[in-house]
Amino acid sequence: MSKTIRFAAALAAVLFAGAMGFAQSGEATYKAKCQSCHGAEGTPNPGIAKMMGVKPAGDAAVKAHSEAQMIAITTDGKGKMPAFKGKLTDAQIKDSVAYFRTFAK
């Protein structure tokens, strides 16, 4: 019985850690690749916003984009936004977009 409980606890810990790693991957990618232009919380600094035309995550024009549209923009680039195809995996792009979208709520 004791071995079963220990096994179940160890399995739960591994699954939880894996889930947390997945959830944090979007945040880590965003911080490494996106934060410098889009801001730590989805609000760019005023100089970057003016120079690059970056809008905050809560802006109506940004919120109007679907997740698929944001993934396409991140993948292929748009305007001054560089393309990340070949620089990030599809999963990293999807996860970083999902993380960015949490700022718009």
PDB file of N, CA and C in Angstrom:
ATOM      1  N   MET A   1       0.819  -1.190   0.000  1.00  0.00           N
ATOM      2  CA  MET A   1       0.000   0.000   0.000  1.00  0.00           C
ATOM      3  C   MET A   1       0.866   1.257   0.000  1.00  0.00           C
ATOM      4  N   SER A   2       1.909   1.268   0.794  1.00  0.00           N
ATOM      5  CA  SER A   2       2.784   2.421   0.900  1.00  0.00           C
ATOM      6  C   SER A   2       3.475   2.712  -0.433  1.00  0.00           C
ATOM      7  N   LYS A   3       3.881   1.671  -1.159  1.00  0.00           N
ATOM      8  CA  LYS A   3       4.522   1.867  -2.455  1.00  0.00           C
ATOM      9  C   LYS A   3       3.539   2.463  -3.454  1.00  0.00           C
ATOM     10  N   THR A   4       2.293   2.055  -3.393  1.00  0.00           N
ATOM     11  CA  THR A   4       1.272   2.577  -4.293  1.00  0.00           C
ATOM     12  C   THR A   4       1.049   4.057  -4.051  1.00  0.00           C
ATOM     13  N   ILE A   5       1.004   4.465  -2.809  1.00  0.00           N
ATOM     14  CA  ILE A   5       0.806   5.878  -2.475  1.00  0.00           C
ATOM     15  C   ILE A   5       2.005   6.703  -2.926  1.00  0.00           C
ATOM     16  N   ARG A   6       3.196   6.185  -2.680  1.00  0.00           N
ATOM     17  CA  ARG A   6       4.398   6.908  -3.115  1.00  0.00           C
ATOM     18  C   ARG A   6       4.448   7.033  -4.638  1.00  0.00           C
ATOM     19  N   PHE A   7       4.090   5.945  -5.326  1.00  0.00           N
ATOM     20  CA  PHE A   7       4.077   5.976  -6.785  1.00  0.00           C
ATOM     21  C   PHE A   7       3.062   7.004  -7.291  1.00  0.00           C
ATOM     22  N   ALA A   8       1.878   6.996  -6.717  1.00  0.00           N
ATOM     23  CA  ALA A   8       0.837   7.939  -7.132  1.00  0.00           C
ATOM     24  C   ALA A   8       1.276   9.381  -6.877  1.00  0.00           C
ATOM     25  N   ALA A   9       1.906   9.623  -5.739  1.00  0.00           N
ATOM     26  CA  ALA A   9       2.383  10.970  -5.418  1.00  0.00           C
ATOM     27  C   ALA A   9       3.476  11.401  -6.389  1.00  0.00           C
ATOM     28  N   ALA A  10       4.393  10.486  -6.707  1.00  0.00           N
ATOM     29  CA  ALA A  10       5.471  10.802  -7.640  1.00  0.00           C
ATOM     30  C   ALA A  10       4.915  11.073  -9.042  1.00  0.00           C
ATOM     31  N   LEU A  11       3.953  10.264  -9.461  1.00  0.00           N
ATOM     32  CA  LEU A  11       3.335  10.459 -10.772  1.00  0.00           C
ATOM     33  C   LEU A  11       2.612  11.798 -10.834  1.00  0.00           C
ATOM     34  N   ALA A  12       1.887  12.139  -9.791  1.00  0.00           N
ATOM     35  CA  ALA A  12       1.182  13.426  -9.737  1.00  0.00           C
ATOM     36  C   ALA A  12       2.174  14.583  -9.810  1.00  0.00           C
ATOM     37  N   ALA A  13       3.296  14.469  -9.111  1.00  0.00           N
ATOM     38  CA  ALA A  13       4.309  15.526  -9.121  1.00  0.00           C
ATOM     39  C   ALA A  13       4.904  15.704 -10.517  1.00  0.00           C
ATOM     40  N   VAL A  14       5.182  14.597 -11.188  1.00  0.00           N
ATOM     41  CA  VAL A  14       5.746  14.658 -12.536  1.00  0.00           C
ATOM     42  C   VAL A  14       4.739  15.279 -13.502  1.00  0.00           C
ATOM     43  N   LEU A  15       3.494  14.872 -13.430  1.00  0.00           N
ATOM     44  CA  LEU A  15       2.464  15.420 -14.317  1.00  0.00           C
ATOM     45  C   LEU A  15       2.257  16.905 -14.060  1.00  0.00           C
ATOM     46  N   PHE A  16       2.245  17.297 -12.804  1.00  0.00           N
ATOM     47  CA  PHE A  16       2.070  18.706 -12.447  1.00  0.00           C
ATOM     48  C   PHE A  16       3.243  19.532 -12.969  1.00  0.00           C
ATOM     49  N   ALA A  17       4.438  19.040 -12.786  1.00  0.00           N
ATOM     50  CA  ALA A  17       5.634  19.754 -13.247  1.00  0.00           C
ATOM     51  C   ALA A  17       5.609  19.894 -14.765  1.00  0.00           C
ATOM     52  N   GLY A  18       5.188  18.852 -15.446  1.00  0.00           N
ATOM     53  CA  GLY A  18       5.090  18.909 -16.905  1.00  0.00           C
ATOM     54  C   GLY A  18       4.062  19.915 -17.361  1.00  0.00           C
ATOM     55  N   ALA A  19       2.933  19.960 -16.687  1.00  0.00           N
ATOM     56  CA  ALA A  19       1.893  20.926 -17.020  1.00  0.00           C
ATOM     57  C   ALA A  19       2.366  22.348 -16.751  1.00  0.00           C
ATOM     58  N   MET A  20       3.076  22.555 -15.674  1.00  0.00           N
ATOM     59  CA  MET A  20       3.584  23.883 -15.350  1.00  0.00           C
ATOM     60  C   MET A  20       4.641  24.303 -16.373  1.00  0.00           C
ATOM     61  N   GLY A  21       5.470  23.370 -16.805  1.00  0.00           N
ATOM     62  CA  GLY A  21       6.468  23.681 -17.811  1.00  0.00           C
ATOM     63  C   GLY A  21       5.826  24.103 -19.117  1.00  0.00           C
ATOM     64  N   PHE A  22       4.749  23.441 -19.500  1.00  0.00           N
ATOM     65  CA  PHE A  22       4.030  23.795 -20.713  1.00  0.00           C
ATOM     66  C   PHE A  22       3.423  25.178 -20.575  1.00  0.00           C
ATOM     67  N   ALA A  23       2.799  25.449 -19.427  1.00  0.00           N
ATOM     68  CA  ALA A  23       2.151  26.738 -19.209  1.00  0.00           C
ATOM     69  C   ALA A  23       3.172  27.866 -19.200  1.00  0.00           C
ATOM     70  N   GLN A  24       4.351  27.621 -18.689  1.00  0.00           N
ATOM     71  CA  GLN A  24       5.354  28.662 -18.579  1.00  0.00           C
ATOM     72  C   GLN A  24       6.149  28.845 -19.870  1.00  0.00           C
ATOM     73  N   SER A  25       6.043  27.918 -20.807  1.00  0.00           N
ATOM     74  CA  SER A  25       6.837  28.037 -22.025  1.00  0.00           C
ATOM     75  C   SER A  25       6.437  29.266 -22.838  1.00  0.00           C
ATOM     76  N   GLY A  26       5.150  29.588 -22.882  1.00  0.00           N
ATOM     77  CA  GLY A  26       4.692  30.781 -23.593  1.00  0.00           C
ATOM     78  C   GLY A  26       5.221  32.044 -22.948  1.00  0.00           C
ATOM     79  N   GLU A  27       5.220  32.060 -21.627  1.00  0.00           N
ATOM     80  CA  GLU A  27       5.735  33.215 -20.893  1.00  0.00           C
ATOM     81  C   GLU A  27       7.230  33.382 -21.152  1.00  0.00           C
ATOM     82  N   ALA A  28       7.982  32.302 -21.093  1.00  0.00           N
ATOM     83  CA  ALA A  28       9.428  32.371 -21.306  1.00  0.00           C
ATOM     84  C   ALA A  28       9.750  32.842 -22.721  1.00  0.00           C
ATOM     85  N   THR A  29       9.052  32.317 -23.707  1.00  0.00           N
ATOM     86  CA  THR A  29       9.272  32.730 -25.094  1.00  0.00           C
ATOM     87  C   THR A  29       8.908  34.196 -25.270  1.00  0.00           C
ATOM     88  N   TYR A  30       7.772  34.601 -24.712  1.00  0.00           N
ATOM     89  CA  TYR A  30       7.349  35.998 -24.799  1.00  0.00           C
ATOM     90  C   TYR A  30       8.411  36.916 -24.196  1.00  0.00           C
ATOM     91  N   LYS A  31       8.891  36.569 -23.009  1.00  0.00           N
ATOM     92  CA  LYS A  31       9.889  37.414 -22.343  1.00  0.00           C
ATOM     93  C   LYS A  31      11.181  37.493 -23.147  1.00  0.00           C
ATOM     94  N   ALA A  32      11.561  36.398 -23.775  1.00  0.00           N
ATOM     95  CA  ALA A  32      12.815  36.364 -24.527  1.00  0.00           C
ATOM     96  C   ALA A  32      12.709  37.051 -25.891  1.00  0.00           C
ATOM     97  N   LYS A  33      11.572  36.926 -26.552  1.00  0.00           N
ATOM     98  CA  LYS A  33      11.476  37.371 -27.941  1.00  0.00           C
ATOM     99  C   LYS A  33      10.519  38.537 -28.196  1.00  0.00           C
ATOM    100  N   CYS A  34       9.557  38.769 -27.314  1.00  0.00           N
ATOM    101  CA  CYS A  34       8.485  39.724 -27.606  1.00  0.00           C
ATOM    102  C   CYS A  34       8.461  40.936 -26.677  1.00  0.00           C
ATOM    103  N   GLN A  35       8.877  40.715 -25.455  1.00  0.00           N
ATOM    104  CA  GLN A  35       8.747  41.723 -24.409  1.00  0.00           C
ATOM    105  C   GLN A  35       9.457  43.037 -24.752  1.00  0.00           C
ATOM    106  N   SER A  36      10.569  42.971 -25.448  1.00  0.00           N
ATOM    107  CA  SER A  36      11.328  44.191 -25.736  1.00  0.00           C
ATOM    108  C   SER A  36      10.500  45.195 -26.545  1.00  0.00           C
ATOM    109  N   CYS A  37       9.604  44.731 -27.392  1.00  0.00           N
ATOM    110  CA  CYS A  37       8.742  45.634 -28.169  1.00  0.00           C
ATOM    111  C   CYS A  37       7.342  45.760 -27.574  1.00  0.00           C
ATOM    112  N   HIS A  38       6.795  44.648 -27.092  1.00  0.00           N
ATOM    113  CA  HIS A  38       5.399  44.636 -26.641  1.00  0.00           C
ATOM    114  C   HIS A  38       5.218  44.912 -25.156  1.00  0.00           C
ATOM    115  N   GLY A  39       6.312  45.030 -24.410  1.00  0.00           N
ATOM    116  CA  GLY A  39       6.220  45.355 -22.990  1.00  0.00           C
ATOM    117  C   GLY A  39       6.026  44.132 -22.123  1.00  0.00           C
ATOM    118  N   ALA A  40       6.420  44.260 -20.854  1.00  0.00           N
ATOM    119  CA  ALA A  40       6.357  43.139 -19.918  1.00  0.00           C
ATOM    120  C   ALA A  40       4.930  42.670 -19.670  1.00  0.00           C
ATOM    121  N   GLU A  41       3.972  43.583 -19.780  1.00  0.00           N
ATOM    122  CA  GLU A  41       2.573  43.222 -19.532  1.00  0.00           C
ATOM    123  C   GLU A  41       1.673  43.592 -20.706  1.00  0.00           C
ATOM    124  N   GLY A  42       2.255  43.571 -21.911  1.00  0.00           N
ATOM    125  CA  GLY A  42       1.469  43.829 -23.110  1.00  0.00           C
ATOM    126  C   GLY A  42       1.283  45.295 -23.428  1.00  0.00           C
ATOM    127  N   THR A  43       1.969  46.173 -22.712  1.00  0.00           N
ATOM    128  CA  THR A  43       1.895  47.604 -22.976  1.00  0.00           C
ATOM    129  C   THR A  43       3.297  48.102 -23.320  1.00  0.00           C
ATOM    130  N   PRO A  44       3.526  48.457 -24.583  1.00  0.00           N
ATOM    131  CA  PRO A  44       4.860  48.907 -24.979  1.00  0.00           C
ATOM    132  C   PRO A  44       5.187  50.263 -24.366  1.00  0.00           C
ATOM    133  N   ASN A  45       6.475  50.545 -24.233  1.00  0.00           N
ATOM    134  CA  ASN A  45       6.811  51.881 -23.742  1.00  0.00           C
ATOM    135  C   ASN A  45       6.443  52.882 -24.837  1.00  0.00           C
ATOM    136  N   PRO A  46       6.128  54.121 -24.452  1.00  0.00           N
ATOM    137  CA  PRO A  46       5.631  55.102 -25.430  1.00  0.00           C
ATOM    138  C   PRO A  46       6.556  55.338 -26.622  1.00  0.00           C
ATOM    139  N   GLY A  47       7.865  55.319 -26.408  1.00  0.00           N
ATOM    140  CA  GLY A  47       8.801  55.526 -27.516  1.00  0.00           C
ATOM    141  C   GLY A  47       8.720  54.420 -28.556  1.00  0.00           C
ATOM    142  N   ILE A  48       8.695  53.190 -28.085  1.00  0.00           N
ATOM    143  CA  ILE A  48       8.580  52.029 -28.996  1.00  0.00           C
ATOM    144  C   ILE A  48       7.228  52.069 -29.700  1.00  0.00           C
ATOM    145  N   ALA A  49       6.186  52.357 -28.944  1.00  0.00           N
ATOM    146  CA  ALA A  49       4.835  52.389 -29.520  1.00  0.00           C
ATOM    147  C   ALA A  49       4.767  53.392 -30.667  1.00  0.00           C
ATOM    148  N   LYS A  50       5.329  54.565 -30.459  1.00  0.00           N
ATOM    149  CA  LYS A  50       5.287  55.608 -31.486  1.00  0.00           C
ATOM    150  C   LYS A  50       6.182  55.258 -32.676  1.00  0.00           C
ATOM    151  N   MET A  51       7.411  54.842 -32.389  1.00  0.00           N
ATOM    152  CA  MET A  51       8.373  54.563 -33.448  1.00  0.00           C
ATOM    153  C   MET A  51       7.985  53.339 -34.284  1.00  0.00           C
ATOM    154  N   MET A  52       7.529  52.288 -33.617  1.00  0.00           N
ATOM    155  CA  MET A  52       7.259  51.026 -34.302  1.00  0.00           C
ATOM    156  C   MET A  52       5.769  50.797 -34.592  1.00  0.00           C
ATOM    157  N   GLY A  53       4.921  51.621 -34.020  1.00  0.00           N
ATOM    158  CA  GLY A  53       3.483  51.431 -34.228  1.00  0.00           C
ATOM    159  C   GLY A  53       2.928  50.247 -33.461  1.00  0.00           C
ATOM    160  N   VAL A  54       3.536  49.929 -32.316  1.00  0.00           N
ATOM    161  CA  VAL A  54       3.093  48.797 -31.501  1.00  0.00           C
ATOM    162  C   VAL A  54       1.936  49.250 -30.610  1.00  0.00           C
ATOM    163  N   LYS A  55       0.851  48.509 -30.675  1.00  0.00           N
ATOM    164  CA  LYS A  55      -0.320  48.830 -29.859  1.00  0.00           C
ATOM    165  C   LYS A  55      -0.358  47.926 -28.633  1.00  0.00           C
ATOM    166  N   PRO A  56      -0.959  48.405 -27.542  1.00  0.00           N
ATOM    167  CA  PRO A  56      -1.075  47.570 -26.345  1.00  0.00           C
ATOM    168  C   PRO A  56      -2.018  46.384 -26.585  1.00  0.00           C
ATOM    169  N   ALA A  57      -1.833  45.348 -25.809  1.00  0.00           N
ATOM    170  CA  ALA A  57      -2.652  44.140 -25.940  1.00  0.00           C
ATOM    171  C   ALA A  57      -4.141  44.438 -25.746  1.00  0.00           C
ATOM    172  N   GLY A  58      -4.453  45.431 -24.934  1.00  0.00           N
ATOM    173  CA  GLY A  58      -5.853  45.766 -24.659  1.00  0.00           C
ATOM    174  C   GLY A  58      -6.491  46.666 -25.698  1.00  0.00           C
ATOM    175  N   ASP A  59      -5.742  47.123 -26.701  1.00  0.00           N
ATOM    176  CA  ASP A  59      -6.278  47.986 -27.751  1.00  0.00           C
ATOM    177  C   ASP A  59      -7.336  47.224 -28.552  1.00  0.00           C
ATOM    178  N   ALA A  60      -8.401  47.911 -28.915  1.00  0.00           N
ATOM    179  CA  ALA A  60      -9.506  47.260 -29.635  1.00  0.00           C
ATOM    180  C   ALA A  60      -9.048  46.609 -30.935  1.00  0.00           C
ATOM    181  N   ALA A  61      -8.129  47.249 -31.653  1.00  0.00           N
ATOM    182  CA  ALA A  61      -7.645  46.679 -32.920  1.00  0.00           C
ATOM    183  C   ALA A  61      -6.881  45.380 -32.685  1.00  0.00           C
ATOM    184  N   VAL A  62      -6.153  45.305 -31.592  1.00  0.00           N
ATOM    185  CA  VAL A  62      -5.404  44.085 -31.264  1.00  0.00           C
ATOM    186  C   VAL A  62      -6.373  43.000 -30.805  1.00  0.00           C
ATOM    187  N   LYS A  63      -7.309  43.372 -29.956  1.00  0.00           N
ATOM    188  CA  LYS A  63      -8.276  42.398 -29.435  1.00  0.00           C
ATOM    189  C   LYS A  63      -9.174  41.836 -30.532  1.00  0.00           C
ATOM    190  N   ALA A  64      -9.314  42.586 -31.631  1.00  0.00           N
ATOM    191  CA  ALA A  64     -10.164  42.123 -32.736  1.00  0.00           C
ATOM    192  C   ALA A  64      -9.534  40.954 -33.495  1.00  0.00           C
ATOM    193  N   HIS A  65      -8.219  40.778 -33.372  1.00  0.00           N
ATOM    194  CA  HIS A  65      -7.545  39.663 -34.050  1.00  0.00           C
ATOM    195  C   HIS A  65      -7.861  38.354 -33.336  1.00  0.00           C
ATOM    196  N   SER A  66      -8.155  37.333 -34.124  1.00  0.00           N
ATOM    197  CA  SER A  66      -8.343  36.001 -33.558  1.00  0.00           C
ATOM    198  C   SER A  66      -6.973  35.428 -33.194  1.00  0.00           C
ATOM    199  N   GLU A  67      -6.991  34.357 -32.435  1.00  0.00           N
ATOM    200  CA  GLU A  67      -5.728  33.693 -32.094  1.00  0.00           C
ATOM    201  C   GLU A  67      -5.010  33.242 -33.364  1.00  0.00           C
ATOM    202  N   ALA A  68      -5.762  32.700 -34.306  1.00  0.00           N
ATOM    203  CA  ALA A  68      -5.160  32.231 -35.569  1.00  0.00           C
ATOM    204  C   ALA A  68      -4.517  33.387 -36.334  1.00  0.00           C
ATOM    205  N   GLN A  69      -5.157  34.557 -36.337  1.00  0.00           N
ATOM    206  CA  GLN A  69      -4.581  35.714 -37.018  1.00  0.00           C
ATOM    207  C   GLN A  69      -3.291  36.159 -36.331  1.00  0.00           C
ATOM    208  N   MET A  70      -3.291  36.155 -35.001  1.00  0.00           N
ATOM    209  CA  MET A  70      -2.085  36.551 -34.266  1.00  0.00           C
ATOM    210  C   MET A  70      -0.941  35.564 -34.502  1.00  0.00           C
ATOM    211  N   ILE A  71      -1.282  34.299 -34.579  1.00  0.00           N
ATOM    212  CA  ILE A  71      -0.266  33.283 -34.867  1.00  0.00           C
ATOM    213  C   ILE A  71       0.312  33.518 -36.259  1.00  0.00           C
ATOM    214  N   ALA A  72      -0.551  33.817 -37.237  1.00  0.00           N
ATOM    215  CA  ALA A  72      -0.086  34.077 -38.604  1.00  0.00           C
ATOM    216  C   ALA A  72       0.808  35.317 -38.659  1.00  0.00           C
ATOM    217  N   ILE A  73       0.417  36.376 -37.938  1.00  0.00           N
ATOM    218  CA  ILE A  73       1.221  37.600 -37.909  1.00  0.00           C
ATOM    219  C   ILE A  73       2.578  37.325 -37.275  1.00  0.00           C
ATOM    220  N   THR A  74       2.584  36.562 -36.188  1.00  0.00           N
ATOM    221  CA  THR A  74       3.842  36.245 -35.513  1.00  0.00           C
ATOM    222  C   THR A  74       4.712  35.350 -36.394  1.00  0.00           C
ATOM    223  N   THR A  75       4.105  34.434 -37.081  1.00  0.00           N
ATOM    224  CA  THR A  75       4.838  33.518 -37.950  1.00  0.00           C
ATOM    225  C   THR A  75       5.424  34.233 -39.168  1.00  0.00           C
ATOM    226  N   ASP A  76       4.579  35.006 -39.860  1.00  0.00           N
ATOM    227  CA  ASP A  76       4.969  35.593 -41.141  1.00  0.00           C
ATOM    228  C   ASP A  76       5.419  37.049 -41.057  1.00  0.00           C
ATOM    229  N   GLY A  77       5.158  37.710 -39.932  1.00  0.00           N
ATOM    230  CA  GLY A  77       5.480  39.119 -39.788  1.00  0.00           C
ATOM    231  C   GLY A  77       4.420  39.989 -40.435  1.00  0.00           C
ATOM    232  N   LYS A  78       4.411  41.264 -40.046  1.00  0.00           N
ATOM    233  CA  LYS A  78       3.460  42.216 -40.632  1.00  0.00           C
ATOM    234  C   LYS A  78       3.951  43.615 -40.291  1.00  0.00           C
ATOM    235  N   GLY A  79       4.072  44.457 -41.294  1.00  0.00           N
ATOM    236  CA  GLY A  79       4.577  45.806 -41.057  1.00  0.00           C
ATOM    237  C   GLY A  79       5.990  45.734 -40.487  1.00  0.00           C
ATOM    238  N   LYS A  80       6.195  46.370 -39.347  1.00  0.00           N
ATOM    239  CA  LYS A  80       7.512  46.358 -38.712  1.00  0.00           C
ATOM    240  C   LYS A  80       7.730  45.148 -37.820  1.00  0.00           C
ATOM    241  N   MET A  81       6.693  44.314 -37.668  1.00  0.00           N
ATOM    242  CA  MET A  81       6.805  43.088 -36.867  1.00  0.00           C
ATOM    243  C   MET A  81       7.566  42.056 -37.687  1.00  0.00           C
ATOM    244  N   PRO A  82       8.708  41.587 -37.180  1.00  0.00           N
ATOM    245  CA  PRO A  82       9.478  40.596 -37.944  1.00  0.00           C
ATOM    246  C   PRO A  82       8.807  39.222 -37.938  1.00  0.00           C
ATOM    247  N   ALA A  83       9.112  38.435 -38.928  1.00  0.00           N
ATOM    248  CA  ALA A  83       8.624  37.060 -38.995  1.00  0.00           C
ATOM    249  C   ALA A  83       9.447  36.184 -38.052  1.00  0.00           C
ATOM    250  N   PHE A  84       8.769  35.289 -37.348  1.00  0.00           N
ATOM    251  CA  PHE A  84       9.465  34.372 -36.456  1.00  0.00           C
ATOM    252  C   PHE A  84       9.477  32.941 -36.986  1.00  0.00           C
ATOM    253  N   LYS A  85       9.002  32.760 -38.217  1.00  0.00           N
ATOM    254  CA  LYS A  85       9.057  31.440 -38.849  1.00  0.00           C
ATOM    255  C   LYS A  85      10.514  31.038 -38.998  1.00  0.00           C
ATOM    256  N   GLY A  86      10.839  29.853 -38.525  1.00  0.00           N
ATOM    257  CA  GLY A  86      12.208  29.373 -38.576  1.00  0.00           C
ATOM    258  C   GLY A  86      13.049  29.808 -37.388  1.00  0.00           C
ATOM    259  N   LYS A  87      12.568  30.795 -36.636  1.00  0.00           N
ATOM    260  CA  LYS A  87      13.273  31.258 -35.437  1.00  0.00           C
ATOM    261  C   LYS A  87      12.657  30.658 -34.178  1.00  0.00           C
ATOM    262  N   LEU A  88      11.343  30.416 -34.246  1.00  0.00           N
ATOM    263  CA  LEU A  88      10.610  29.776 -33.158  1.00  0.00           C
ATOM    264  C   LEU A  88       9.827  28.610 -33.734  1.00  0.00           C
ATOM    265  N   THR A  89       9.567  27.612 -32.924  1.00  0.00           N
ATOM    266  CA  THR A  89       8.735  26.493 -33.377  1.00  0.00           C
ATOM    267  C   THR A  89       7.276  26.944 -33.420  1.00  0.00           C
ATOM    268  N   ASP A  90       6.454  26.178 -34.099  1.00  0.00           N
ATOM    269  CA  ASP A  90       5.021  26.475 -34.140  1.00  0.00           C
ATOM    270  C   ASP A  90       4.439  26.487 -32.724  1.00  0.00           C
ATOM    271  N   ALA A  91       4.891  25.554 -31.898  1.00  0.00           N
ATOM    272  CA  ALA A  91       4.396  25.478 -30.515  1.00  0.00           C
ATOM    273  C   ALA A  91       4.808  26.713 -29.715  1.00  0.00           C
ATOM    274  N   GLN A  92       6.039  27.187 -29.902  1.00  0.00           N
ATOM    275  CA  GLN A  92       6.490  28.383 -29.191  1.00  0.00           C
ATOM    276  C   GLN A  92       5.689  29.612 -29.620  1.00  0.00           C
ATOM    277  N   ILE A  93       5.406  29.711 -30.900  1.00  0.00           N
ATOM    278  CA  ILE A  93       4.607  30.836 -31.398  1.00  0.00           C
ATOM    279  C   ILE A  93       3.205  30.774 -30.810  1.00  0.00           C
ATOM    280  N   LYS A  94       2.593  29.609 -30.870  1.00  0.00           N
ATOM    281  CA  LYS A  94       1.232  29.447 -30.332  1.00  0.00           C
ATOM    282  C   LYS A  94       1.193  29.771 -28.842  1.00  0.00           C
ATOM    283  N   ASP A  95       2.150  29.261 -28.089  1.00  0.00           N
ATOM    284  CA  ASP A  95       2.180  29.491 -26.643  1.00  0.00           C
ATOM    285  C   ASP A  95       2.450  30.950 -26.304  1.00  0.00           C
ATOM    286  N   SER A  96       3.323  31.614 -27.049  1.00  0.00           N
ATOM    287  CA  SER A  96       3.612  33.023 -26.763  1.00  0.00           C
ATOM    288  C   SER A  96       2.419  33.907 -27.125  1.00  0.00           C
ATOM    289  N   VAL A  97       1.705  33.562 -28.191  1.00  0.00           N
ATOM    290  CA  VAL A  97       0.479  34.299 -28.548  1.00  0.00           C
ATOM    291  C   VAL A  97      -0.569  34.102 -27.453  1.00  0.00           C
ATOM    292  N   ALA A  98      -0.724  32.877 -26.987  1.00  0.00           N
ATOM    293  CA  ALA A  98      -1.691  32.610 -25.911  1.00  0.00           C
ATOM    294  C   ALA A  98      -1.331  33.415 -24.667  1.00  0.00           C
ATOM    295  N   TYR A  99      -0.047  33.499 -24.342  1.00  0.00           N
ATOM    296  CA  TYR A  99       0.393  34.287 -23.188  1.00  0.00           C
ATOM    297  C   TYR A  99       0.102  35.772 -23.417  1.00  0.00           C
ATOM    298  N   PHE A 100       0.418  36.298 -24.598  1.00  0.00           N
ATOM    299  CA  PHE A 100       0.156  37.700 -24.916  1.00  0.00           C
ATOM    300  C   PHE A 100      -1.329  38.017 -24.784  1.00  0.00           C
ATOM    301  N   ARG A 101      -2.179  37.111 -25.216  1.00  0.00           N
ATOM    302  CA  ARG A 101      -3.621  37.341 -25.169  1.00  0.00           C
ATOM    303  C   ARG A 101      -4.149  37.429 -23.740  1.00  0.00           C
ATOM    304  N   THR A 102      -3.414  36.916 -22.775  1.00  0.00           N
ATOM    305  CA  THR A 102      -3.871  37.040 -21.383  1.00  0.00           C
ATOM    306  C   THR A 102      -3.825  38.484 -20.901  1.00  0.00           C
ATOM    307  N   PHE A 103      -3.016  39.325 -21.542  1.00  0.00           N
ATOM    308  CA  PHE A 103      -2.923  40.735 -21.156  1.00  0.00           C
ATOM    309  C   PHE A 103      -4.143  41.535 -21.563  1.00  0.00           C
ATOM    310  N   ALA A 104      -4.871  41.062 -22.563  1.00  0.00           N
ATOM    311  CA  ALA A 104      -5.998  41.815 -23.124  1.00  0.00           C
ATOM    312  C   ALA A 104      -7.278  41.665 -22.293  1.00  0.00           C
ATOM    313  N   LYS A 105      -7.252  40.874 -21.275  1.00  0.00           N
ATOM    314  CA  LYS A 105      -8.481  40.614 -20.511  1.00  0.00           C
ATOM    315  C   LYS A 105      -8.678  41.625 -19.420  1.00  0.00           C
TER     316      LYS A 105
END
